[in-house]
């Protein structure tokens, strides 16, 4: 159950990061509200997952899901640049996440 909570916490990290971008420096109400709710949900789930998953593993996977998720959303929804270096960087992050997960078992 802790791994599911950690995964969902990572998804909420993507939600709040995208909403923060859309909030235009917290000048737009609803994206700001989504940012704050997403942050709280993400932190609560991360804290719950850390009850059983080691800090280094949990935090690395949480931030990795957020980083790769924000990268994908940026490309798919916000028209951000796609190039070989950025894709390789994202793949390396995913490889690191897999290694962290495997090392935690």
PDB file of N, CA and C in Angstrom:
ATOM      1  N   UNK A   1       0.821  -1.200   0.000  1.00  0.00           N
ATOM      2  CA  UNK A   1       0.000   0.000   0.000  1.00  0.00           C
ATOM      3  C   UNK A   1       0.866   1.266   0.000  1.00  0.00           C
ATOM      4  N   UNK A   2       2.012   1.217   0.671  1.00  0.00           N
ATOM      5  CA  UNK A   2       2.887   2.390   0.740  1.00  0.00           C
ATOM      6  C   UNK A   2       3.386   2.780  -0.645  1.00  0.00           C
ATOM      7  N   UNK A   3       3.681   1.791  -1.485  1.00  0.00           N
ATOM      8  CA  UNK A   3       4.165   2.090  -2.836  1.00  0.00           C
ATOM      9  C   UNK A   3       3.073   2.740  -3.676  1.00  0.00           C
ATOM     10  N   UNK A   4       1.841   2.325  -3.491  1.00  0.00           N
ATOM     11  CA  UNK A   4       0.725   2.954  -4.211  1.00  0.00           C
ATOM     12  C   UNK A   4       0.571   4.403  -3.747  1.00  0.00           C
ATOM     13  N   UNK A   5       0.641   4.626  -2.435  1.00  0.00           N
ATOM     14  CA  UNK A   5       0.556   5.996  -1.915  1.00  0.00           C
ATOM     15  C   UNK A   5       1.690   6.859  -2.457  1.00  0.00           C
ATOM     16  N   UNK A   6       2.876   6.285  -2.539  1.00  0.00           N
ATOM     17  CA  UNK A   6       4.018   7.035  -3.065  1.00  0.00           C
ATOM     18  C   UNK A   6       3.811   7.382  -4.532  1.00  0.00           C
ATOM     19  N   UNK A   7       3.310   6.444  -5.309  1.00  0.00           N
ATOM     20  CA  UNK A   7       3.041   6.705  -6.724  1.00  0.00           C
ATOM     21  C   UNK A   7       2.001   7.808  -6.891  1.00  0.00           C
ATOM     22  N   UNK A   8       0.924   7.728  -6.133  1.00  0.00           N
ATOM     23  CA  UNK A   8      -0.131   8.756  -6.219  1.00  0.00           C
ATOM     24  C   UNK A   8       0.406  10.109  -5.742  1.00  0.00           C
ATOM     25  N   UNK A   9       1.250  10.094  -4.714  1.00  0.00           N
ATOM     26  CA  UNK A   9       1.887  11.335  -4.257  1.00  0.00           C
ATOM     27  C   UNK A   9       2.697  11.962  -5.381  1.00  0.00           C
ATOM     28  N   UNK A  10       3.408  11.127  -6.145  1.00  0.00           N
ATOM     29  CA  UNK A  10       4.169  11.625  -7.290  1.00  0.00           C
ATOM     30  C   UNK A  10       3.267  12.211  -8.359  1.00  0.00           C
ATOM     31  N   UNK A  11       2.126  11.580  -8.588  1.00  0.00           N
ATOM     32  CA  UNK A  11       1.168  12.129  -9.566  1.00  0.00           C
ATOM     33  C   UNK A  11       0.634  13.480  -9.105  1.00  0.00           C
ATOM     34  N   UNK A  12       0.353  13.598  -7.811  1.00  0.00           N
ATOM     35  CA  UNK A  12      -0.089  14.895  -7.287  1.00  0.00           C
ATOM     36  C   UNK A  12       1.011  15.941  -7.404  1.00  0.00           C
ATOM     37  N   UNK A  13       2.255  15.517  -7.340  1.00  0.00           N
ATOM     38  CA  UNK A  13       3.343  16.470  -7.547  1.00  0.00           C
ATOM     39  C   UNK A  13       3.302  17.032  -8.962  1.00  0.00           C
ATOM     40  N   UNK A  14       2.998  16.175  -9.925  1.00  0.00           N
ATOM     41  CA  UNK A  14       2.854  16.645 -11.311  1.00  0.00           C
ATOM     42  C   UNK A  14       1.693  17.624 -11.403  1.00  0.00           C
ATOM     43  N   UNK A  15       0.582  17.285 -10.765  1.00  0.00           N
ATOM     44  CA  UNK A  15      -0.601  18.156 -10.794  1.00  0.00           C
ATOM     45  C   UNK A  15      -0.259  19.536 -10.252  1.00  0.00           C
ATOM     46  N   UNK A  16       0.389  19.588  -9.091  1.00  0.00           N
ATOM     47  CA  UNK A  16       0.644  20.913  -8.518  1.00  0.00           C
ATOM     48  C   UNK A  16       1.699  21.673  -9.300  1.00  0.00           C
ATOM     49  N   UNK A  17       2.652  20.978  -9.886  1.00  0.00           N
ATOM     50  CA  UNK A  17       3.664  21.679 -10.681  1.00  0.00           C
ATOM     51  C   UNK A  17       3.044  22.307 -11.930  1.00  0.00           C
ATOM     52  N   UNK A  18       2.191  21.560 -12.599  1.00  0.00           N
ATOM     53  CA  UNK A  18       1.521  22.084 -13.798  1.00  0.00           C
ATOM     54  C   UNK A  18       0.583  23.226 -13.413  1.00  0.00           C
ATOM     55  N   UNK A  19      -0.167  23.040 -12.326  1.00  0.00           N
ATOM     56  CA  UNK A  19      -1.078  24.098 -11.883  1.00  0.00           C
ATOM     57  C   UNK A  19      -0.308  25.351 -11.487  1.00  0.00           C
ATOM     58  N   UNK A  20       0.868  25.186 -10.883  1.00  0.00           N
ATOM     59  CA  UNK A  20       1.669  26.342 -10.514  1.00  0.00           C
ATOM     60  C   UNK A  20       2.087  27.123 -11.755  1.00  0.00           C
ATOM     61  N   UNK A  21       2.460  26.409 -12.803  1.00  0.00           N
ATOM     62  CA  UNK A  21       2.805  27.065 -14.067  1.00  0.00           C
ATOM     63  C   UNK A  21       1.599  27.834 -14.596  1.00  0.00           C
ATOM     64  N   UNK A  22       0.438  27.214 -14.520  1.00  0.00           N
ATOM     65  CA  UNK A  22      -0.785  27.842 -15.017  1.00  0.00           C
ATOM     66  C   UNK A  22      -1.269  28.989 -14.134  1.00  0.00           C
ATOM     67  N   UNK A  23      -0.806  29.042 -12.884  1.00  0.00           N
ATOM     68  CA  UNK A  23      -1.261  30.084 -11.955  1.00  0.00           C
ATOM     69  C   UNK A  23      -0.672  31.454 -12.274  1.00  0.00           C
ATOM     70  N   UNK A  24       0.343  31.473 -13.143  1.00  0.00           N
ATOM     71  CA  UNK A  24       0.983  32.735 -13.551  1.00  0.00           C
ATOM     72  C   UNK A  24       1.471  33.513 -12.323  1.00  0.00           C
ATOM     73  N   UNK A  25       2.328  32.837 -11.554  1.00  0.00           N
ATOM     74  CA  UNK A  25       2.884  33.486 -10.359  1.00  0.00           C
ATOM     75  C   UNK A  25       1.859  33.674  -9.261  1.00  0.00           C
ATOM     76  N   UNK A  26       0.940  32.737  -9.156  1.00  0.00           N
ATOM     77  CA  UNK A  26      -0.149  32.765  -8.163  1.00  0.00           C
ATOM     78  C   UNK A  26      -1.088  33.955  -8.358  1.00  0.00           C
ATOM     79  N   UNK A  27      -1.194  34.435  -9.579  1.00  0.00           N
ATOM     80  CA  UNK A  27      -2.090  35.558  -9.862  1.00  0.00           C
ATOM     81  C   UNK A  27      -3.455  35.101 -10.378  1.00  0.00           C
ATOM     82  N   UNK A  28      -3.611  33.818 -10.656  1.00  0.00           N
ATOM     83  CA  UNK A  28      -4.895  33.268 -11.108  1.00  0.00           C
ATOM     84  C   UNK A  28      -5.438  32.350 -10.018  1.00  0.00           C
ATOM     85  N   UNK A  29      -6.679  32.579  -9.609  1.00  0.00           N
ATOM     86  CA  UNK A  29      -7.252  31.914  -8.436  1.00  0.00           C
ATOM     87  C   UNK A  29      -7.288  30.391  -8.550  1.00  0.00           C
ATOM     88  N   UNK A  30      -7.970  29.845  -9.548  1.00  0.00           N
ATOM     89  CA  UNK A  30      -8.204  28.403  -9.570  1.00  0.00           C
ATOM     90  C   UNK A  30      -6.935  27.585  -9.776  1.00  0.00           C
ATOM     91  N   UNK A  31      -6.042  27.990 -10.657  1.00  0.00           N
ATOM     92  CA  UNK A  31      -4.787  27.245 -10.706  1.00  0.00           C
ATOM     93  C   UNK A  31      -4.000  27.321  -9.381  1.00  0.00           C
ATOM     94  N   UNK A  32      -4.108  28.444  -8.676  1.00  0.00           N
ATOM     95  CA  UNK A  32      -3.455  28.572  -7.375  1.00  0.00           C
ATOM     96  C   UNK A  32      -4.078  27.625  -6.362  1.00  0.00           C
ATOM     97  N   UNK A  33      -5.398  27.514  -6.364  1.00  0.00           N
ATOM     98  CA  UNK A  33      -6.101  26.596  -5.464  1.00  0.00           C
ATOM     99  C   UNK A  33      -5.699  25.156  -5.768  1.00  0.00           C
ATOM    100  N   UNK A  34      -5.664  24.794  -7.062  1.00  0.00           N
ATOM    101  CA  UNK A  34      -5.264  23.441  -7.446  1.00  0.00           C
ATOM    102  C   UNK A  34      -3.823  23.178  -7.006  1.00  0.00           C
ATOM    103  N   UNK A  35      -2.949  24.170  -7.144  1.00  0.00           N
ATOM    104  CA  UNK A  35      -1.562  24.027  -6.697  1.00  0.00           C
ATOM    105  C   UNK A  35      -1.511  23.693  -5.214  1.00  0.00           C
ATOM    106  N   UNK A  36      -2.201  24.461  -4.400  1.00  0.00           N
ATOM    107  CA  UNK A  36      -2.159  24.257  -2.949  1.00  0.00           C
ATOM    108  C   UNK A  36      -2.772  22.927  -2.526  1.00  0.00           C
ATOM    109  N   UNK A  37      -3.910  22.572  -3.119  1.00  0.00           N
ATOM    110  CA  UNK A  37      -4.551  21.291  -2.792  1.00  0.00           C
ATOM    111  C   UNK A  37      -3.656  20.135  -3.240  1.00  0.00           C
ATOM    112  N   UNK A  38      -3.070  20.252  -4.434  1.00  0.00           N
ATOM    113  CA  UNK A  38      -2.175  19.211  -4.931  1.00  0.00           C
ATOM    114  C   UNK A  38      -0.948  19.046  -4.054  1.00  0.00           C
ATOM    115  N   UNK A  39      -0.406  20.173  -3.579  1.00  0.00           N
ATOM    116  CA  UNK A  39       0.766  20.105  -2.690  1.00  0.00           C
ATOM    117  C   UNK A  39       0.430  19.386  -1.396  1.00  0.00           C
ATOM    118  N   UNK A  40      -0.667  19.758  -0.790  1.00  0.00           N
ATOM    119  CA  UNK A  40      -1.062  19.141   0.477  1.00  0.00           C
ATOM    120  C   UNK A  40      -1.286  17.644   0.289  1.00  0.00           C
ATOM    121  N   UNK A  41      -2.022  17.284  -0.766  1.00  0.00           N
ATOM    122  CA  UNK A  41      -2.286  15.863  -1.025  1.00  0.00           C
ATOM    123  C   UNK A  41      -0.977  15.108  -1.265  1.00  0.00           C
ATOM    124  N   UNK A  42      -0.083  15.698  -2.038  1.00  0.00           N
ATOM    125  CA  UNK A  42       1.189  15.070  -2.348  1.00  0.00           C
ATOM    126  C   UNK A  42       2.024  14.861  -1.089  1.00  0.00           C
ATOM    127  N   UNK A  43       2.119  15.889  -0.253  1.00  0.00           N
ATOM    128  CA  UNK A  43       2.920  15.795   0.969  1.00  0.00           C
ATOM    129  C   UNK A  43       2.315  14.806   1.969  1.00  0.00           C
ATOM    130  N   UNK A  44       1.008  14.809   2.093  1.00  0.00           N
ATOM    131  CA  UNK A  44       0.355  13.877   3.027  1.00  0.00           C
ATOM    132  C   UNK A  44       0.600  12.436   2.599  1.00  0.00           C
ATOM    133  N   UNK A  45       0.433  12.165   1.306  1.00  0.00           N
ATOM    134  CA  UNK A  45       0.664  10.810   0.816  1.00  0.00           C
ATOM    135  C   UNK A  45       2.137  10.411   0.917  1.00  0.00           C
ATOM    136  N   UNK A  46       3.032  11.351   0.624  1.00  0.00           N
ATOM    137  CA  UNK A  46       4.465  11.071   0.773  1.00  0.00           C
ATOM    138  C   UNK A  46       4.798  10.741   2.226  1.00  0.00           C
ATOM    139  N   UNK A  47       4.281  11.523   3.141  1.00  0.00           N
ATOM    140  CA  UNK A  47       4.542  11.278   4.563  1.00  0.00           C
ATOM    141  C   UNK A  47       4.015   9.913   4.992  1.00  0.00           C
ATOM    142  N   UNK A  48       2.838   9.556   4.506  1.00  0.00           N
ATOM    143  CA  UNK A  48       2.270   8.249   4.853  1.00  0.00           C
ATOM    144  C   UNK A  48       3.126   7.116   4.287  1.00  0.00           C
ATOM    145  N   UNK A  49       3.600   7.284   3.060  1.00  0.00           N
ATOM    146  CA  UNK A  49       4.434   6.251   2.441  1.00  0.00           C
ATOM    147  C   UNK A  49       5.761   6.101   3.180  1.00  0.00           C
ATOM    148  N   UNK A  50       6.266   7.209   3.715  1.00  0.00           N
ATOM    149  CA  UNK A  50       7.547   7.173   4.426  1.00  0.00           C
ATOM    150  C   UNK A  50       7.472   6.446   5.761  1.00  0.00           C
ATOM    151  N   UNK A  51       6.303   6.074   6.174  1.00  0.00           N
ATOM    152  CA  UNK A  51       6.200   5.267   7.394  1.00  0.00           C
ATOM    153  C   UNK A  51       6.876   3.920   7.201  1.00  0.00           C
ATOM    154  N   UNK A  52       6.853   3.421   5.956  1.00  0.00           N
ATOM    155  CA  UNK A  52       7.446   2.097   5.708  1.00  0.00           C
ATOM    156  C   UNK A  52       8.553   2.114   4.650  1.00  0.00           C
ATOM    157  N   UNK A  53       8.572   3.107   3.786  1.00  0.00           N
ATOM    158  CA  UNK A  53       9.605   3.182   2.752  1.00  0.00           C
ATOM    159  C   UNK A  53      10.708   4.107   3.255  1.00  0.00           C
ATOM    160  N   UNK A  54      11.969   3.715   3.109  1.00  0.00           N
ATOM    161  CA  UNK A  54      13.062   4.562   3.581  1.00  0.00           C
ATOM    162  C   UNK A  54      13.038   5.960   2.944  1.00  0.00           C
ATOM    163  N   UNK A  55      13.482   6.948   3.690  1.00  0.00           N
ATOM    164  CA  UNK A  55      13.478   8.342   3.251  1.00  0.00           C
ATOM    165  C   UNK A  55      14.117   8.527   1.881  1.00  0.00           C
ATOM    166  N   UNK A  56      15.348   8.061   1.721  1.00  0.00           N
ATOM    167  CA  UNK A  56      16.057   8.276   0.460  1.00  0.00           C
ATOM    168  C   UNK A  56      15.336   7.679  -0.725  1.00  0.00           C
ATOM    169  N   UNK A  57      14.805   6.488  -0.552  1.00  0.00           N
ATOM    170  CA  UNK A  57      14.070   5.823  -1.628  1.00  0.00           C
ATOM    171  C   UNK A  57      12.772   6.561  -1.926  1.00  0.00           C
ATOM    172  N   UNK A  58      11.998   6.861  -0.896  1.00  0.00           N
ATOM    173  CA  UNK A  58      10.708   7.516  -1.085  1.00  0.00           C
ATOM    174  C   UNK A  58      10.866   8.887  -1.732  1.00  0.00           C
ATOM    175  N   UNK A  59      11.787   9.671  -1.218  1.00  0.00           N
ATOM    176  CA  UNK A  59      11.951  11.029  -1.736  1.00  0.00           C
ATOM    177  C   UNK A  59      12.463  11.018  -3.168  1.00  0.00           C
ATOM    178  N   UNK A  60      13.401  10.126  -3.461  1.00  0.00           N
ATOM    179  CA  UNK A  60      13.928  10.042  -4.821  1.00  0.00           C
ATOM    180  C   UNK A  60      12.847   9.634  -5.809  1.00  0.00           C
ATOM    181  N   UNK A  61      12.067   8.652  -5.463  1.00  0.00           N
ATOM    182  CA  UNK A  61      11.006   8.198  -6.372  1.00  0.00           C
ATOM    183  C   UNK A  61       9.934   9.262  -6.512  1.00  0.00           C
ATOM    184  N   UNK A  62       9.562   9.915  -5.433  1.00  0.00           N
ATOM    185  CA  UNK A  62       8.557  10.984  -5.474  1.00  0.00           C
ATOM    186  C   UNK A  62       8.995  12.114  -6.397  1.00  0.00           C
ATOM    187  N   UNK A  63      10.217  12.583  -6.220  1.00  0.00           N
ATOM    188  CA  UNK A  63      10.695  13.681  -7.069  1.00  0.00           C
ATOM    189  C   UNK A  63      10.900  13.219  -8.508  1.00  0.00           C
ATOM    190  N   UNK A  64      11.298  11.973  -8.692  1.00  0.00           N
ATOM    191  CA  UNK A  64      11.481  11.458 -10.048  1.00  0.00           C
ATOM    192  C   UNK A  64      10.176  11.368 -10.806  1.00  0.00           C
ATOM    193  N   UNK A  65       9.135  10.875 -10.143  1.00  0.00           N
ATOM    194  CA  UNK A  65       7.814  10.825 -10.779  1.00  0.00           C
ATOM    195  C   UNK A  65       7.378  12.239 -11.138  1.00  0.00           C
ATOM    196  N   UNK A  66       7.598  13.181 -10.221  1.00  0.00           N
ATOM    197  CA  UNK A  66       7.233  14.567 -10.499  1.00  0.00           C
ATOM    198  C   UNK A  66       8.014  15.148 -11.653  1.00  0.00           C
ATOM    199  N   UNK A  67       9.315  14.884 -11.693  1.00  0.00           N
ATOM    200  CA  UNK A  67      10.159  15.443 -12.754  1.00  0.00           C
ATOM    201  C   UNK A  67       9.794  14.875 -14.122  1.00  0.00           C
ATOM    202  N   UNK A  68       9.697  13.565 -14.209  1.00  0.00           N
ATOM    203  CA  UNK A  68       9.374  12.945 -15.498  1.00  0.00           C
ATOM    204  C   UNK A  68       7.938  13.272 -15.901  1.00  0.00           C
ATOM    205  N   UNK A  69       7.033  13.265 -14.928  1.00  0.00           N
ATOM    206  CA  UNK A  69       5.641  13.607 -15.228  1.00  0.00           C
ATOM    207  C   UNK A  69       5.495  15.028 -15.732  1.00  0.00           C
ATOM    208  N   UNK A  70       6.179  15.955 -15.085  1.00  0.00           N
ATOM    209  CA  UNK A  70       6.120  17.354 -15.528  1.00  0.00           C
ATOM    210  C   UNK A  70       6.755  17.508 -16.912  1.00  0.00           C
ATOM    211  N   UNK A  71       7.814  16.763 -17.174  1.00  0.00           N
ATOM    212  CA  UNK A  71       8.461  16.760 -18.487  1.00  0.00           C
ATOM    213  C   UNK A  71       7.473  16.307 -19.557  1.00  0.00           C
ATOM    214  N   UNK A  72       6.779  15.198 -19.311  1.00  0.00           N
ATOM    215  CA  UNK A  72       5.820  14.651 -20.277  1.00  0.00           C
ATOM    216  C   UNK A  72       4.646  15.604 -20.481  1.00  0.00           C
ATOM    217  N   UNK A  73       4.089  16.126 -19.392  1.00  0.00           N
ATOM    218  CA  UNK A  73       2.963  17.063 -19.504  1.00  0.00           C
ATOM    219  C   UNK A  73       3.397  18.337 -20.226  1.00  0.00           C
ATOM    220  N   UNK A  74       4.598  18.812 -19.936  1.00  0.00           N
ATOM    221  CA  UNK A  74       5.111  20.002 -20.608  1.00  0.00           C
ATOM    222  C   UNK A  74       5.161  19.821 -22.110  1.00  0.00           C
ATOM    223  N   UNK A  75       5.587  18.650 -22.538  1.00  0.00           N
ATOM    224  CA  UNK A  75       5.646  18.368 -23.974  1.00  0.00           C
ATOM    225  C   UNK A  75       4.253  18.169 -24.552  1.00  0.00           C
ATOM    226  N   UNK A  76       3.457  17.318 -23.889  1.00  0.00           N
ATOM    227  CA  UNK A  76       2.152  16.931 -24.429  1.00  0.00           C
ATOM    228  C   UNK A  76       1.118  18.052 -24.390  1.00  0.00           C
ATOM    229  N   UNK A  77       1.141  18.872 -23.340  1.00  0.00           N
ATOM    230  CA  UNK A  77       0.072  19.858 -23.164  1.00  0.00           C
ATOM    231  C   UNK A  77       0.530  21.302 -23.321  1.00  0.00           C
ATOM    232  N   UNK A  78       1.799  21.563 -23.089  1.00  0.00           N
ATOM    233  CA  UNK A  78       2.254  22.952 -23.079  1.00  0.00           C
ATOM    234  C   UNK A  78       3.174  23.293 -24.245  1.00  0.00           C
ATOM    235  N   UNK A  79       3.381  22.334 -25.133  1.00  0.00           N
ATOM    236  CA  UNK A  79       4.177  22.581 -26.320  1.00  0.00           C
ATOM    237  C   UNK A  79       5.654  22.826 -26.054  1.00  0.00           C
ATOM    238  N   UNK A  80       6.180  22.258 -24.976  1.00  0.00           N
ATOM    239  CA  UNK A  80       7.590  22.444 -24.671  1.00  0.00           C
ATOM    240  C   UNK A  80       8.454  21.647 -25.640  1.00  0.00           C
ATOM    241  N   UNK A  81       9.694  22.051 -25.747  1.00  0.00           N
ATOM    242  CA  UNK A  81      10.649  21.493 -26.693  1.00  0.00           C
ATOM    243  C   UNK A  81      10.954  20.023 -26.422  1.00  0.00           C
ATOM    244  N   UNK A  82      11.046  19.253 -27.496  1.00  0.00           N
ATOM    245  CA  UNK A  82      11.490  17.864 -27.419  1.00  0.00           C
ATOM    246  C   UNK A  82      12.794  17.767 -28.199  1.00  0.00           C
ATOM    247  N   UNK A  83      13.822  17.252 -27.548  1.00  0.00           N
ATOM    248  CA  UNK A  83      15.061  16.968 -28.265  1.00  0.00           C
ATOM    249  C   UNK A  83      15.718  15.751 -27.633  1.00  0.00           C
ATOM    250  N   UNK A  84      16.721  15.259 -28.297  1.00  0.00           N
ATOM    251  CA  UNK A  84      17.371  14.022 -27.858  1.00  0.00           C
ATOM    252  C   UNK A  84      17.912  14.119 -26.444  1.00  0.00           C
ATOM    253  N   UNK A  85      18.579  15.213 -26.133  1.00  0.00           N
ATOM    254  CA  UNK A  85      19.179  15.359 -24.797  1.00  0.00           C
ATOM    255  C   UNK A  85      18.122  15.320 -23.697  1.00  0.00           C
ATOM    256  N   UNK A  86      16.992  15.990 -23.910  1.00  0.00           N
ATOM    257  CA  UNK A  86      15.945  16.004 -22.890  1.00  0.00           C
ATOM    258  C   UNK A  86      15.335  14.624 -22.714  1.00  0.00           C
ATOM    259  N   UNK A  87      15.123  13.907 -23.815  1.00  0.00           N
ATOM    260  CA  UNK A  87      14.549  12.564 -23.740  1.00  0.00           C
ATOM    261  C   UNK A  87      15.528  11.613 -23.042  1.00  0.00           C
ATOM    262  N   UNK A  88      16.799  11.692 -23.385  1.00  0.00           N
ATOM    263  CA  UNK A  88      17.805  10.848 -22.726  1.00  0.00           C
ATOM    264  C   UNK A  88      17.842  11.148 -21.231  1.00  0.00           C
ATOM    265  N   UNK A  89      17.774  12.418 -20.864  1.00  0.00           N
ATOM    266  CA  UNK A  89      17.770  12.783 -19.444  1.00  0.00           C
ATOM    267  C   UNK A  89      16.570  12.163 -18.725  1.00  0.00           C
ATOM    268  N   UNK A  90      15.387  12.219 -19.340  1.00  0.00           N
ATOM    269  CA  UNK A  90      14.193  11.631 -18.736  1.00  0.00           C
ATOM    270  C   UNK A  90      14.332  10.117 -18.608  1.00  0.00           C
ATOM    271  N   UNK A  91      14.889   9.487 -19.630  1.00  0.00           N
ATOM    272  CA  UNK A  91      15.099   8.036 -19.575  1.00  0.00           C
ATOM    273  C   UNK A  91      16.068   7.677 -18.451  1.00  0.00           C
ATOM    274  N   UNK A  92      17.103   8.459 -18.283  1.00  0.00           N
ATOM    275  CA  UNK A  92      18.051   8.200 -17.190  1.00  0.00           C
ATOM    276  C   UNK A  92      17.386   8.357 -15.829  1.00  0.00           C
ATOM    277  N   UNK A  93      16.500   9.329 -15.694  1.00  0.00           N
ATOM    278  CA  UNK A  93      15.762   9.488 -14.426  1.00  0.00           C
ATOM    279  C   UNK A  93      14.922   8.253 -14.163  1.00  0.00           C
ATOM    280  N   UNK A  94      14.215   7.778 -15.187  1.00  0.00           N
ATOM    281  CA  UNK A  94      13.387   6.577 -15.018  1.00  0.00           C
ATOM    282  C   UNK A  94      14.256   5.377 -14.643  1.00  0.00           C
ATOM    283  N   UNK A  95      15.407   5.246 -15.277  1.00  0.00           N
ATOM    284  CA  UNK A  95      16.328   4.151 -14.920  1.00  0.00           C
ATOM    285  C   UNK A  95      16.744   4.251 -13.451  1.00  0.00           C
ATOM    286  N   UNK A  96      17.022   5.451 -12.994  1.00  0.00           N
ATOM    287  CA  UNK A  96      17.373   5.652 -11.590  1.00  0.00           C
ATOM    288  C   UNK A  96      16.225   5.286 -10.664  1.00  0.00           C
ATOM    289  N   UNK A  97      14.994   5.618 -11.065  1.00  0.00           N
ATOM    290  CA  UNK A  97      13.831   5.259 -10.248  1.00  0.00           C
ATOM    291  C   UNK A  97      13.669   3.752 -10.140  1.00  0.00           C
ATOM    292  N   UNK A  98      13.844   3.067 -11.267  1.00  0.00           N
ATOM    293  CA  UNK A  98      13.742   1.612 -11.253  1.00  0.00           C
ATOM    294  C   UNK A  98      14.817   1.009 -10.341  1.00  0.00           C
ATOM    295  N   UNK A  99      16.025   1.540 -10.438  1.00  0.00           N
ATOM    296  CA  UNK A  99      17.110   1.042  -9.583  1.00  0.00           C
ATOM    297  C   UNK A  99      16.812   1.282  -8.108  1.00  0.00           C
ATOM    298  N   UNK A 100      16.254   2.450  -7.773  1.00  0.00           N
ATOM    299  CA  UNK A 100      15.895   2.733  -6.378  1.00  0.00           C
ATOM    300  C   UNK A 100      14.826   1.769  -5.890  1.00  0.00           C
ATOM    301  N   UNK A 101      13.828   1.512  -6.721  1.00  0.00           N
ATOM    302  CA  UNK A 101      12.763   0.587  -6.336  1.00  0.00           C
ATOM    303  C   UNK A 101      13.331  -0.811  -6.113  1.00  0.00           C
ATOM    304  N   UNK A 102      14.184  -1.258  -7.037  1.00  0.00           N
ATOM    305  CA  UNK A 102      14.763  -2.594  -6.905  1.00  0.00           C
ATOM    306  C   UNK A 102      15.664  -2.705  -5.679  1.00  0.00           C
ATOM    307  N   UNK A 103      16.342  -1.634  -5.341  1.00  0.00           N
ATOM    308  CA  UNK A 103      17.245  -1.667  -4.184  1.00  0.00           C
ATOM    309  C   UNK A 103      16.492  -1.622  -2.862  1.00  0.00           C
ATOM    310  N   UNK A 104      15.227  -1.225  -2.896  1.00  0.00           N
ATOM    311  CA  UNK A 104      14.445  -1.108  -1.659  1.00  0.00           C
ATOM    312  C   UNK A 104      13.827  -2.442  -1.252  1.00  0.00           C
ATOM    313  N   UNK A 105      13.774  -3.395  -2.161  1.00  0.00           N
ATOM    314  CA  UNK A 105      13.146  -4.689  -1.838  1.00  0.00           C
ATOM    315  C   UNK A 105      14.058  -5.599  -1.069  1.00  0.00           C
TER     316      UNK A 105
END
